[in-house]
Amino acid sequence: MEVSHTIINLIIFVLAIYVGYHVVWTVTPALHTPLMAVTNAISAIIIVGAMLAASLTEGLIGQVMGTVAVALAAVNVFGGFLVTQRMLEMFRKKEPKVKKGDHA
């Protein structure tokens, strides 16, 4: 009996979601910024793979799906950079407030 490649890929996808969920939710807050940096790097690799998939497939459906994958991965990368930037801003020291009567 031969199992379909689609079923195997679906099982791998579901297991990856399960493992990813548990890995991300057990990370301490101090490691969120490095984790975001790593996920941005992984998303950049996914963009390269999606561009290859979009350009090397001969069928229209494969090209459209590859293009959609490129767009979604790009949104993920840019969103990840924005979130990382906001997280890093939270750790910056705030400037002391100057009272109106005080002149420096």
PDB file of N, CA and C in Angstrom:
ATOM      1  N   MET A   1       0.847  -1.179   0.000  1.00  0.00           N
ATOM      2  CA  MET A   1       0.000   0.000   0.000  1.00  0.00           C
ATOM      3  C   MET A   1       0.896   1.248   0.000  1.00  0.00           C
ATOM      4  N   GLU A   2       0.611   2.153  -0.893  1.00  0.00           N
ATOM      5  CA  GLU A   2       1.415   3.374  -1.016  1.00  0.00           C
ATOM      6  C   GLU A   2       0.614   4.570  -0.523  1.00  0.00           C
ATOM      7  N   VAL A   3       1.254   5.358   0.321  1.00  0.00           N
ATOM      8  CA  VAL A   3       0.609   6.545   0.864  1.00  0.00           C
ATOM      9  C   VAL A   3       0.899   7.719  -0.066  1.00  0.00           C
ATOM     10  N   SER A   4      -0.107   8.534  -0.302  1.00  0.00           N
ATOM     11  CA  SER A   4       0.032   9.683  -1.193  1.00  0.00           C
ATOM     12  C   SER A   4       1.036  10.695  -0.633  1.00  0.00           C
ATOM     13  N   HIS A   5       1.797  11.313  -1.538  1.00  0.00           N
ATOM     14  CA  HIS A   5       2.752  12.343  -1.118  1.00  0.00           C
ATOM     15  C   HIS A   5       2.031  13.533  -0.495  1.00  0.00           C
ATOM     16  N   THR A   6       0.839  13.801  -0.951  1.00  0.00           N
ATOM     17  CA  THR A   6       0.065  14.910  -0.401  1.00  0.00           C
ATOM     18  C   THR A   6      -0.280  14.648   1.064  1.00  0.00           C
ATOM     19  N   ILE A   7      -0.656  13.427   1.383  1.00  0.00           N
ATOM     20  CA  ILE A   7      -0.981  13.073   2.768  1.00  0.00           C
ATOM     21  C   ILE A   7       0.263  13.188   3.648  1.00  0.00           C
ATOM     22  N   ILE A   8       1.401  12.723   3.148  1.00  0.00           N
ATOM     23  CA  ILE A   8       2.650  12.820   3.913  1.00  0.00           C
ATOM     24  C   ILE A   8       3.011  14.280   4.153  1.00  0.00           C
ATOM     25  N   ASN A   9       2.907  15.106   3.105  1.00  0.00           N
ATOM     26  CA  ASN A   9       3.205  16.534   3.258  1.00  0.00           C
ATOM     27  C   ASN A   9       2.236  17.201   4.231  1.00  0.00           C
ATOM     28  N   LEU A  10       0.984  16.820   4.210  1.00  0.00           N
ATOM     29  CA  LEU A  10      -0.004  17.381   5.130  1.00  0.00           C
ATOM     30  C   LEU A  10       0.319  16.994   6.572  1.00  0.00           C
ATOM     31  N   ILE A  11       0.732  15.741   6.789  1.00  0.00           N
ATOM     32  CA  ILE A  11       1.107  15.295   8.132  1.00  0.00           C
ATOM     33  C   ILE A  11       2.318  16.085   8.628  1.00  0.00           C
ATOM     34  N   ILE A  12       3.312  16.268   7.771  1.00  0.00           N
ATOM     35  CA  ILE A  12       4.499  17.043   8.149  1.00  0.00           C
ATOM     36  C   ILE A  12       4.113  18.476   8.482  1.00  0.00           C
ATOM     37  N   PHE A  13       3.217  19.060   7.689  1.00  0.00           N
ATOM     38  CA  PHE A  13       2.770  20.432   7.922  1.00  0.00           C
ATOM     39  C   PHE A  13       2.072  20.565   9.275  1.00  0.00           C
ATOM     40  N   VAL A  14       1.179  19.633   9.594  1.00  0.00           N
ATOM     41  CA  VAL A  14       0.450  19.680  10.868  1.00  0.00           C
ATOM     42  C   VAL A  14       1.414  19.484  12.036  1.00  0.00           C
ATOM     43  N   LEU A  15       2.358  18.559  11.904  1.00  0.00           N
ATOM     44  CA  LEU A  15       3.336  18.355  12.972  1.00  0.00           C
ATOM     45  C   LEU A  15       4.224  19.577  13.160  1.00  0.00           C
ATOM     46  N   ALA A  16       4.593  20.247  12.064  1.00  0.00           N
ATOM     47  CA  ALA A  16       5.410  21.452  12.161  1.00  0.00           C
ATOM     48  C   ALA A  16       4.653  22.561  12.892  1.00  0.00           C
ATOM     49  N   ILE A  17       3.363  22.686  12.617  1.00  0.00           N
ATOM     50  CA  ILE A  17       2.549  23.680  13.321  1.00  0.00           C
ATOM     51  C   ILE A  17       2.498  23.358  14.810  1.00  0.00           C
ATOM     52  N   TYR A  18       2.290  22.103  15.146  1.00  0.00           N
ATOM     53  CA  TYR A  18       2.201  21.683  16.549  1.00  0.00           C
ATOM     54  C   TYR A  18       3.516  21.946  17.288  1.00  0.00           C
ATOM     55  N   VAL A  19       4.613  21.511  16.711  1.00  0.00           N
ATOM     56  CA  VAL A  19       5.919  21.705  17.349  1.00  0.00           C
ATOM     57  C   VAL A  19       6.254  23.197  17.431  1.00  0.00           C
ATOM     58  N   GLY A  20       6.010  23.939  16.352  1.00  0.00           N
ATOM     59  CA  GLY A  20       6.281  25.378  16.349  1.00  0.00           C
ATOM     60  C   GLY A  20       5.487  26.114  17.410  1.00  0.00           C
ATOM     61  N   TYR A  21       4.231  25.752  17.571  1.00  0.00           N
ATOM     62  CA  TYR A  21       3.386  26.376  18.589  1.00  0.00           C
ATOM     63  C   TYR A  21       3.976  26.165  19.974  1.00  0.00           C
ATOM     64  N   HIS A  22       4.347  24.942  20.283  1.00  0.00           N
ATOM     65  CA  HIS A  22       4.881  24.655  21.618  1.00  0.00           C
ATOM     66  C   HIS A  22       6.261  25.270  21.830  1.00  0.00           C
ATOM     67  N   VAL A  23       7.064  25.345  20.801  1.00  0.00           N
ATOM     68  CA  VAL A  23       8.383  25.955  20.936  1.00  0.00           C
ATOM     69  C   VAL A  23       8.261  27.447  21.190  1.00  0.00           C
ATOM     70  N   VAL A  24       7.406  28.119  20.424  1.00  0.00           N
ATOM     71  CA  VAL A  24       7.275  29.574  20.546  1.00  0.00           C
ATOM     72  C   VAL A  24       6.646  29.962  21.873  1.00  0.00           C
ATOM     73  N   TRP A  25       5.641  29.251  22.327  1.00  0.00           N
ATOM     74  CA  TRP A  25       4.951  29.641  23.553  1.00  0.00           C
ATOM     75  C   TRP A  25       5.739  29.323  24.818  1.00  0.00           C
ATOM     76  N   THR A  26       6.802  28.515  24.711  1.00  0.00           N
ATOM     77  CA  THR A  26       7.609  28.236  25.902  1.00  0.00           C
ATOM     78  C   THR A  26       8.857  29.112  25.973  1.00  0.00           C
ATOM     79  N   VAL A  27       9.021  30.021  25.024  1.00  0.00           N
ATOM     80  CA  VAL A  27      10.188  30.905  25.022  1.00  0.00           C
ATOM     81  C   VAL A  27       9.999  32.000  26.063  1.00  0.00           C
ATOM     82  N   THR A  28      11.052  32.284  26.823  1.00  0.00           N
ATOM     83  CA  THR A  28      10.983  33.360  27.813  1.00  0.00           C
ATOM     84  C   THR A  28      10.962  34.715  27.096  1.00  0.00           C
ATOM     85  N   PRO A  29      10.383  35.743  27.702  1.00  0.00           N
ATOM     86  CA  PRO A  29      10.306  37.052  27.044  1.00  0.00           C
ATOM     87  C   PRO A  29      11.670  37.625  26.651  1.00  0.00           C
ATOM     88  N   ALA A  30      12.721  37.271  27.373  1.00  0.00           N
ATOM     89  CA  ALA A  30      14.046  37.805  27.050  1.00  0.00           C
ATOM     90  C   ALA A  30      14.560  37.295  25.707  1.00  0.00           C
ATOM     91  N   LEU A  31      14.014  36.180  25.246  1.00  0.00           N
ATOM     92  CA  LEU A  31      14.486  35.596  23.989  1.00  0.00           C
ATOM     93  C   LEU A  31      13.570  35.887  22.807  1.00  0.00           C
ATOM     94  N   HIS A  32      12.545  36.701  22.991  1.00  0.00           N
ATOM     95  CA  HIS A  32      11.620  36.963  21.891  1.00  0.00           C
ATOM     96  C   HIS A  32      12.298  37.684  20.721  1.00  0.00           C
ATOM     97  N   THR A  33      13.152  38.654  20.998  1.00  0.00           N
ATOM     98  CA  THR A  33      13.803  39.394  19.920  1.00  0.00           C
ATOM     99  C   THR A  33      14.737  38.500  19.110  1.00  0.00           C
ATOM    100  N   PRO A  34      15.606  37.686  19.736  1.00  0.00           N
ATOM    101  CA  PRO A  34      16.416  36.771  18.917  1.00  0.00           C
ATOM    102  C   PRO A  34      15.568  35.763  18.143  1.00  0.00           C
ATOM    103  N   LEU A  35      14.461  35.330  18.753  1.00  0.00           N
ATOM    104  CA  LEU A  35      13.587  34.393  18.054  1.00  0.00           C
ATOM    105  C   LEU A  35      12.990  35.044  16.815  1.00  0.00           C
ATOM    106  N   MET A  36      12.586  36.310  16.923  1.00  0.00           N
ATOM    107  CA  MET A  36      12.047  37.021  15.761  1.00  0.00           C
ATOM    108  C   MET A  36      13.104  37.160  14.675  1.00  0.00           C
ATOM    109  N   ALA A  37      14.348  37.401  15.066  1.00  0.00           N
ATOM    110  CA  ALA A  37      15.426  37.516  14.077  1.00  0.00           C
ATOM    111  C   ALA A  37      15.613  36.205  13.326  1.00  0.00           C
ATOM    112  N   VAL A  38      15.533  35.101  14.039  1.00  0.00           N
ATOM    113  CA  VAL A  38      15.684  33.792  13.393  1.00  0.00           C
ATOM    114  C   VAL A  38      14.509  33.513  12.472  1.00  0.00           C
ATOM    115  N   THR A  39      13.298  33.827  12.909  1.00  0.00           N
ATOM    116  CA  THR A  39      12.145  33.582  12.045  1.00  0.00           C
ATOM    117  C   THR A  39      12.186  34.476  10.806  1.00  0.00           C
ATOM    118  N   ASN A  40      12.726  35.681  10.928  1.00  0.00           N
ATOM    119  CA  ASN A  40      12.898  36.524   9.740  1.00  0.00           C
ATOM    120  C   ASN A  40      13.880  35.890   8.764  1.00  0.00           C
ATOM    121  N   ALA A  41      14.946  35.309   9.281  1.00  0.00           N
ATOM    122  CA  ALA A  41      15.918  34.647   8.416  1.00  0.00           C
ATOM    123  C   ALA A  41      15.296  33.435   7.728  1.00  0.00           C
ATOM    124  N   ILE A  42      14.501  32.673   8.461  1.00  0.00           N
ATOM    125  CA  ILE A  42      13.831  31.514   7.869  1.00  0.00           C
ATOM    126  C   ILE A  42      12.845  31.973   6.798  1.00  0.00           C
ATOM    127  N   SER A  43      12.122  33.053   7.059  1.00  0.00           N
ATOM    128  CA  SER A  43      11.179  33.569   6.066  1.00  0.00           C
ATOM    129  C   SER A  43      11.904  34.051   4.813  1.00  0.00           C
ATOM    130  N   ALA A  44      13.096  34.604   4.986  1.00  0.00           N
ATOM    131  CA  ALA A  44      13.871  35.027   3.819  1.00  0.00           C
ATOM    132  C   ALA A  44      14.263  33.819   2.974  1.00  0.00           C
ATOM    133  N   ILE A  45      14.601  32.715   3.617  1.00  0.00           N
ATOM    134  CA  ILE A  45      14.915  31.487   2.877  1.00  0.00           C
ATOM    135  C   ILE A  45      13.664  30.976   2.175  1.00  0.00           C
ATOM    136  N   ILE A  46      12.516  31.097   2.821  1.00  0.00           N
ATOM    137  CA  ILE A  46      11.254  30.675   2.212  1.00  0.00           C
ATOM    138  C   ILE A  46      10.959  31.514   0.971  1.00  0.00           C
ATOM    139  N   ILE A  47      11.277  32.810   1.022  1.00  0.00           N
ATOM    140  CA  ILE A  47      11.065  33.664  -0.157  1.00  0.00           C
ATOM    141  C   ILE A  47      11.886  33.151  -1.334  1.00  0.00           C
ATOM    142  N   VAL A  48      13.134  32.780  -1.091  1.00  0.00           N
ATOM    143  CA  VAL A  48      13.983  32.269  -2.167  1.00  0.00           C
ATOM    144  C   VAL A  48      13.381  30.986  -2.748  1.00  0.00           C
ATOM    145  N   GLY A  49      12.946  30.078  -1.874  1.00  0.00           N
ATOM    146  CA  GLY A  49      12.320  28.848  -2.346  1.00  0.00           C
ATOM    147  C   GLY A  49      11.035  29.113  -3.108  1.00  0.00           C
ATOM    148  N   ALA A  50      10.239  30.061  -2.643  1.00  0.00           N
ATOM    149  CA  ALA A  50       8.985  30.390  -3.335  1.00  0.00           C
ATOM    150  C   ALA A  50       9.266  31.015  -4.694  1.00  0.00           C
ATOM    151  N   MET A  51      10.319  31.833  -4.783  1.00  0.00           N
ATOM    152  CA  MET A  51      10.665  32.405  -6.091  1.00  0.00           C
ATOM    153  C   MET A  51      11.118  31.317  -7.054  1.00  0.00           C
ATOM    154  N   LEU A  52      11.870  30.354  -6.543  1.00  0.00           N
ATOM    155  CA  LEU A  52      12.270  29.229  -7.384  1.00  0.00           C
ATOM    156  C   LEU A  52      11.055  28.420  -7.821  1.00  0.00           C
ATOM    157  N   ALA A  53      10.134  28.185  -6.896  1.00  0.00           N
ATOM    158  CA  ALA A  53       8.923  27.431  -7.231  1.00  0.00           C
ATOM    159  C   ALA A  53       8.094  28.169  -8.266  1.00  0.00           C
ATOM    160  N   ALA A  54       8.009  29.494  -8.133  1.00  0.00           N
ATOM    161  CA  ALA A  54       7.206  30.276  -9.083  1.00  0.00           C
ATOM    162  C   ALA A  54       7.853  30.315 -10.458  1.00  0.00           C
ATOM    163  N   SER A  55       9.174  30.347 -10.491  1.00  0.00           N
ATOM    164  CA  SER A  55       9.840  30.500 -11.788  1.00  0.00           C
ATOM    165  C   SER A  55      10.087  29.173 -12.498  1.00  0.00           C
ATOM    166  N   LEU A  56      10.262  28.095 -11.754  1.00  0.00           N
ATOM    167  CA  LEU A  56      10.634  26.828 -12.379  1.00  0.00           C
ATOM    168  C   LEU A  56       9.447  25.946 -12.756  1.00  0.00           C
ATOM    169  N   THR A  57       8.264  26.233 -12.243  1.00  0.00           N
ATOM    170  CA  THR A  57       7.103  25.414 -12.590  1.00  0.00           C
ATOM    171  C   THR A  57       6.584  25.821 -13.954  1.00  0.00           C
ATOM    172  N   GLU A  58       6.050  24.829 -14.652  1.00  0.00           N
ATOM    173  CA  GLU A  58       5.541  25.088 -16.003  1.00  0.00           C
ATOM    174  C   GLU A  58       4.059  25.397 -16.009  1.00  0.00           C
ATOM    175  N   GLY A  59       3.322  24.883 -15.037  1.00  0.00           N
ATOM    176  CA  GLY A  59       1.884  25.098 -15.012  1.00  0.00           C
ATOM    177  C   GLY A  59       1.518  26.445 -14.428  1.00  0.00           C
ATOM    178  N   LEU A  60       0.386  26.965 -14.851  1.00  0.00           N
ATOM    179  CA  LEU A  60      -0.089  28.264 -14.374  1.00  0.00           C
ATOM    180  C   LEU A  60      -0.419  28.217 -12.877  1.00  0.00           C
ATOM    181  N   ILE A  61      -1.008  27.116 -12.422  1.00  0.00           N
ATOM    182  CA  ILE A  61      -1.380  27.009 -11.011  1.00  0.00           C
ATOM    183  C   ILE A  61      -0.137  27.062 -10.129  1.00  0.00           C
ATOM    184  N   GLY A  62       0.913  26.366 -10.525  1.00  0.00           N
ATOM    185  CA  GLY A  62       2.154  26.385  -9.754  1.00  0.00           C
ATOM    186  C   GLY A  62       2.782  27.764  -9.706  1.00  0.00           C
ATOM    187  N   GLN A  63       2.728  28.469 -10.817  1.00  0.00           N
ATOM    188  CA  GLN A  63       3.289  29.823 -10.861  1.00  0.00           C
ATOM    189  C   GLN A  63       2.487  30.772  -9.983  1.00  0.00           C
ATOM    190  N   VAL A  64       1.169  30.648 -10.030  1.00  0.00           N
ATOM    191  CA  VAL A  64       0.318  31.508  -9.196  1.00  0.00           C
ATOM    192  C   VAL A  64       0.546  31.199  -7.712  1.00  0.00           C
ATOM    193  N   MET A  65       0.601  29.918  -7.366  1.00  0.00           N
ATOM    194  CA  MET A  65       0.827  29.544  -5.961  1.00  0.00           C
ATOM    195  C   MET A  65       2.210  29.996  -5.502  1.00  0.00           C
ATOM    196  N   GLY A  66       3.216  29.896  -6.364  1.00  0.00           N
ATOM    197  CA  GLY A  66       4.552  30.370  -6.021  1.00  0.00           C
ATOM    198  C   GLY A  66       4.574  31.872  -5.808  1.00  0.00           C
ATOM    199  N   THR A  67       3.854  32.606  -6.640  1.00  0.00           N
ATOM    200  CA  THR A  67       3.784  34.063  -6.503  1.00  0.00           C
ATOM    201  C   THR A  67       3.073  34.444  -5.207  1.00  0.00           C
ATOM    202  N   VAL A  68       1.999  33.739  -4.883  1.00  0.00           N
ATOM    203  CA  VAL A  68       1.288  33.992  -3.621  1.00  0.00           C
ATOM    204  C   VAL A  68       2.200  33.680  -2.435  1.00  0.00           C
ATOM    205  N   ALA A  69       2.983  32.595  -2.546  1.00  0.00           N
ATOM    206  CA  ALA A  69       3.905  32.239  -1.471  1.00  0.00           C
ATOM    207  C   ALA A  69       4.968  33.320  -1.284  1.00  0.00           C
ATOM    208  N   VAL A  70       5.467  33.886  -2.383  1.00  0.00           N
ATOM    209  CA  VAL A  70       6.443  34.978  -2.288  1.00  0.00           C
ATOM    210  C   VAL A  70       5.826  36.176  -1.578  1.00  0.00           C
ATOM    211  N   ALA A  71       4.595  36.526  -1.962  1.00  0.00           N
ATOM    212  CA  ALA A  71       3.935  37.680  -1.357  1.00  0.00           C
ATOM    213  C   ALA A  71       3.696  37.467   0.143  1.00  0.00           C
ATOM    214  N   LEU A  72       3.214  36.286   0.520  1.00  0.00           N
ATOM    215  CA  LEU A  72       2.948  36.019   1.935  1.00  0.00           C
ATOM    216  C   LEU A  72       4.232  35.981   2.758  1.00  0.00           C
ATOM    217  N   ALA A  73       5.289  35.391   2.215  1.00  0.00           N
ATOM    218  CA  ALA A  73       6.560  35.352   2.938  1.00  0.00           C
ATOM    219  C   ALA A  73       7.141  36.759   3.078  1.00  0.00           C
ATOM    220  N   ALA A  74       6.963  37.604   2.050  1.00  0.00           N
ATOM    221  CA  ALA A  74       7.463  38.984   2.127  1.00  0.00           C
ATOM    222  C   ALA A  74       6.717  39.761   3.207  1.00  0.00           C
ATOM    223  N   VAL A  75       5.402  39.578   3.277  1.00  0.00           N
ATOM    224  CA  VAL A  75       4.625  40.231   4.330  1.00  0.00           C
ATOM    225  C   VAL A  75       5.111  39.758   5.699  1.00  0.00           C
ATOM    226  N   ASN A  76       5.410  38.469   5.812  1.00  0.00           N
ATOM    227  CA  ASN A  76       5.894  37.919   7.081  1.00  0.00           C
ATOM    228  C   ASN A  76       7.244  38.524   7.463  1.00  0.00           C
ATOM    229  N   VAL A  77       8.144  38.677   6.499  1.00  0.00           N
ATOM    230  CA  VAL A  77       9.461  39.249   6.788  1.00  0.00           C
ATOM    231  C   VAL A  77       9.329  40.705   7.220  1.00  0.00           C
ATOM    232  N   PHE A  78       8.597  41.500   6.453  1.00  0.00           N
ATOM    233  CA  PHE A  78       8.467  42.920   6.788  1.00  0.00           C
ATOM    234  C   PHE A  78       7.739  43.112   8.110  1.00  0.00           C
ATOM    235  N   GLY A  79       6.705  42.318   8.356  1.00  0.00           N
ATOM    236  CA  GLY A  79       6.010  42.390   9.642  1.00  0.00           C
ATOM    237  C   GLY A  79       6.918  41.985  10.787  1.00  0.00           C
ATOM    238  N   GLY A  80       7.744  40.973  10.566  1.00  0.00           N
ATOM    239  CA  GLY A  80       8.686  40.541  11.590  1.00  0.00           C
ATOM    240  C   GLY A  80       9.701  41.613  11.927  1.00  0.00           C
ATOM    241  N   PHE A  81      10.184  42.325  10.894  1.00  0.00           N
ATOM    242  CA  PHE A  81      11.122  43.411  11.152  1.00  0.00           C
ATOM    243  C   PHE A  81      10.455  44.542  11.933  1.00  0.00           C
ATOM    244  N   LEU A  82       9.211  44.840  11.610  1.00  0.00           N
ATOM    245  CA  LEU A  82       8.502  45.890  12.353  1.00  0.00           C
ATOM    246  C   LEU A  82       8.304  45.494  13.814  1.00  0.00           C
ATOM    247  N   VAL A  83       7.932  44.245  14.047  1.00  0.00           N
ATOM    248  CA  VAL A  83       7.738  43.786  15.423  1.00  0.00           C
ATOM    249  C   VAL A  83       9.064  43.803  16.173  1.00  0.00           C
ATOM    250  N   THR A  84      10.141  43.353  15.526  1.00  0.00           N
ATOM    251  CA  THR A  84      11.457  43.357  16.172  1.00  0.00           C
ATOM    252  C   THR A  84      11.879  44.775  16.511  1.00  0.00           C
ATOM    253  N   GLN A  85      11.635  45.720  15.613  1.00  0.00           N
ATOM    254  CA  GLN A  85      11.990  47.113  15.870  1.00  0.00           C
ATOM    255  C   GLN A  85      11.219  47.652  17.066  1.00  0.00           C
ATOM    256  N   ARG A  86       9.939  47.356  17.154  1.00  0.00           N
ATOM    257  CA  ARG A  86       9.140  47.819  18.289  1.00  0.00           C
ATOM    258  C   ARG A  86       9.601  47.190  19.594  1.00  0.00           C
ATOM    259  N   MET A  87       9.992  45.915  19.531  1.00  0.00           N
ATOM    260  CA  MET A  87      10.472  45.258  20.743  1.00  0.00           C
ATOM    261  C   MET A  87      11.792  45.863  21.200  1.00  0.00           C
ATOM    262  N   LEU A  88      12.663  46.188  20.273  1.00  0.00           N
ATOM    263  CA  LEU A  88      13.937  46.796  20.642  1.00  0.00           C
ATOM    264  C   LEU A  88      13.748  48.206  21.193  1.00  0.00           C
ATOM    265  N   GLU A  89      12.753  48.934  20.701  1.00  0.00           N
ATOM    266  CA  GLU A  89      12.463  50.270  21.223  1.00  0.00           C
ATOM    267  C   GLU A  89      11.999  50.203  22.677  1.00  0.00           C
ATOM    268  N   MET A  90      11.381  49.110  23.068  1.00  0.00           N
ATOM    269  CA  MET A  90      10.927  48.966  24.450  1.00  0.00           C
ATOM    270  C   MET A  90      12.106  48.901  25.414  1.00  0.00           C
ATOM    271  N   PHE A  91      13.272  48.448  24.951  1.00  0.00           N
ATOM    272  CA  PHE A  91      14.430  48.302  25.824  1.00  0.00           C
ATOM    273  C   PHE A  91      15.325  49.543  25.844  1.00  0.00           C
ATOM    274  N   ARG A  92      15.047  50.540  25.008  1.00  0.00           N
ATOM    275  CA  ARG A  92      15.850  51.762  25.008  1.00  0.00           C
ATOM    276  C   ARG A  92      15.545  52.587  26.246  1.00  0.00           C
ATOM    277  N   LYS A  93      16.564  53.292  26.710  1.00  0.00           N
ATOM    278  CA  LYS A  93      16.363  54.171  27.859  1.00  0.00           C
ATOM    279  C   LYS A  93      15.598  55.405  27.408  1.00  0.00           C
ATOM    280  N   LYS A  94      14.671  55.789  28.217  1.00  0.00           N
ATOM    281  CA  LYS A  94      13.851  56.961  27.905  1.00  0.00           C
ATOM    282  C   LYS A  94      14.607  58.220  28.314  1.00  0.00           C
ATOM    283  N   GLU A  95      14.424  59.270  27.544  1.00  0.00           N
ATOM    284  CA  GLU A  95      15.028  60.562  27.853  1.00  0.00           C
ATOM    285  C   GLU A  95      14.320  61.149  29.074  1.00  0.00           C
ATOM    286  N   PRO A  96      15.081  61.742  30.011  1.00  0.00           N
ATOM    287  CA  PRO A  96      14.415  62.358  31.164  1.00  0.00           C
ATOM    288  C   PRO A  96      13.598  63.571  30.734  1.00  0.00           C
ATOM    289  N   LYS A  97      12.425  63.683  31.338  1.00  0.00           N
ATOM    290  CA  LYS A  97      11.552  64.797  30.992  1.00  0.00           C
ATOM    291  C   LYS A  97      12.070  66.079  31.626  1.00  0.00           C
ATOM    292  N   VAL A  98      12.065  67.151  30.837  1.00  0.00           N
ATOM    293  CA  VAL A  98      12.536  68.455  31.316  1.00  0.00           C
ATOM    294  C   VAL A  98      11.319  69.265  31.747  1.00  0.00           C
ATOM    295  N   LYS A  99      11.383  69.841  32.943  1.00  0.00           N
ATOM    296  CA  LYS A  99      10.282  70.676  33.424  1.00  0.00           C
ATOM    297  C   LYS A  99      10.289  71.994  32.679  1.00  0.00           C
ATOM    298  N   LYS A 100       9.158  72.650  32.608  1.00  0.00           N
ATOM    299  CA  LYS A 100       9.038  73.895  31.854  1.00  0.00           C
ATOM    300  C   LYS A 100       9.908  75.011  32.438  1.00  0.00           C
ATOM    301  N   GLY A 101      10.069  75.076  33.725  1.00  0.00           N
ATOM    302  CA  GLY A 101      10.843  76.126  34.359  1.00  0.00           C
ATOM    303  C   GLY A 101      12.357  75.908  34.265  1.00  0.00           C
ATOM    304  N   ASP A 102      12.790  74.697  34.000  1.00  0.00           N
ATOM    305  CA  ASP A 102      14.221  74.388  33.956  1.00  0.00           C
ATOM    306  C   ASP A 102      14.775  74.617  32.544  1.00  0.00           C
ATOM    307  N   HIS A 103      15.943  75.261  32.476  1.00  0.00           N
ATOM    308  CA  HIS A 103      16.620  75.438  31.198  1.00  0.00           C
ATOM    309  C   HIS A 103      17.973  74.790  31.297  1.00  0.00           C
ATOM    310  N   ALA A 104      18.329  74.109  30.264  1.00  0.00           N
ATOM    311  CA  ALA A 104      19.618  73.407  30.286  1.00  0.00           C
ATOM    312  C   ALA A 104      20.745  74.253  29.771  1.00  0.00           C
TER     313      ALA A 104
END
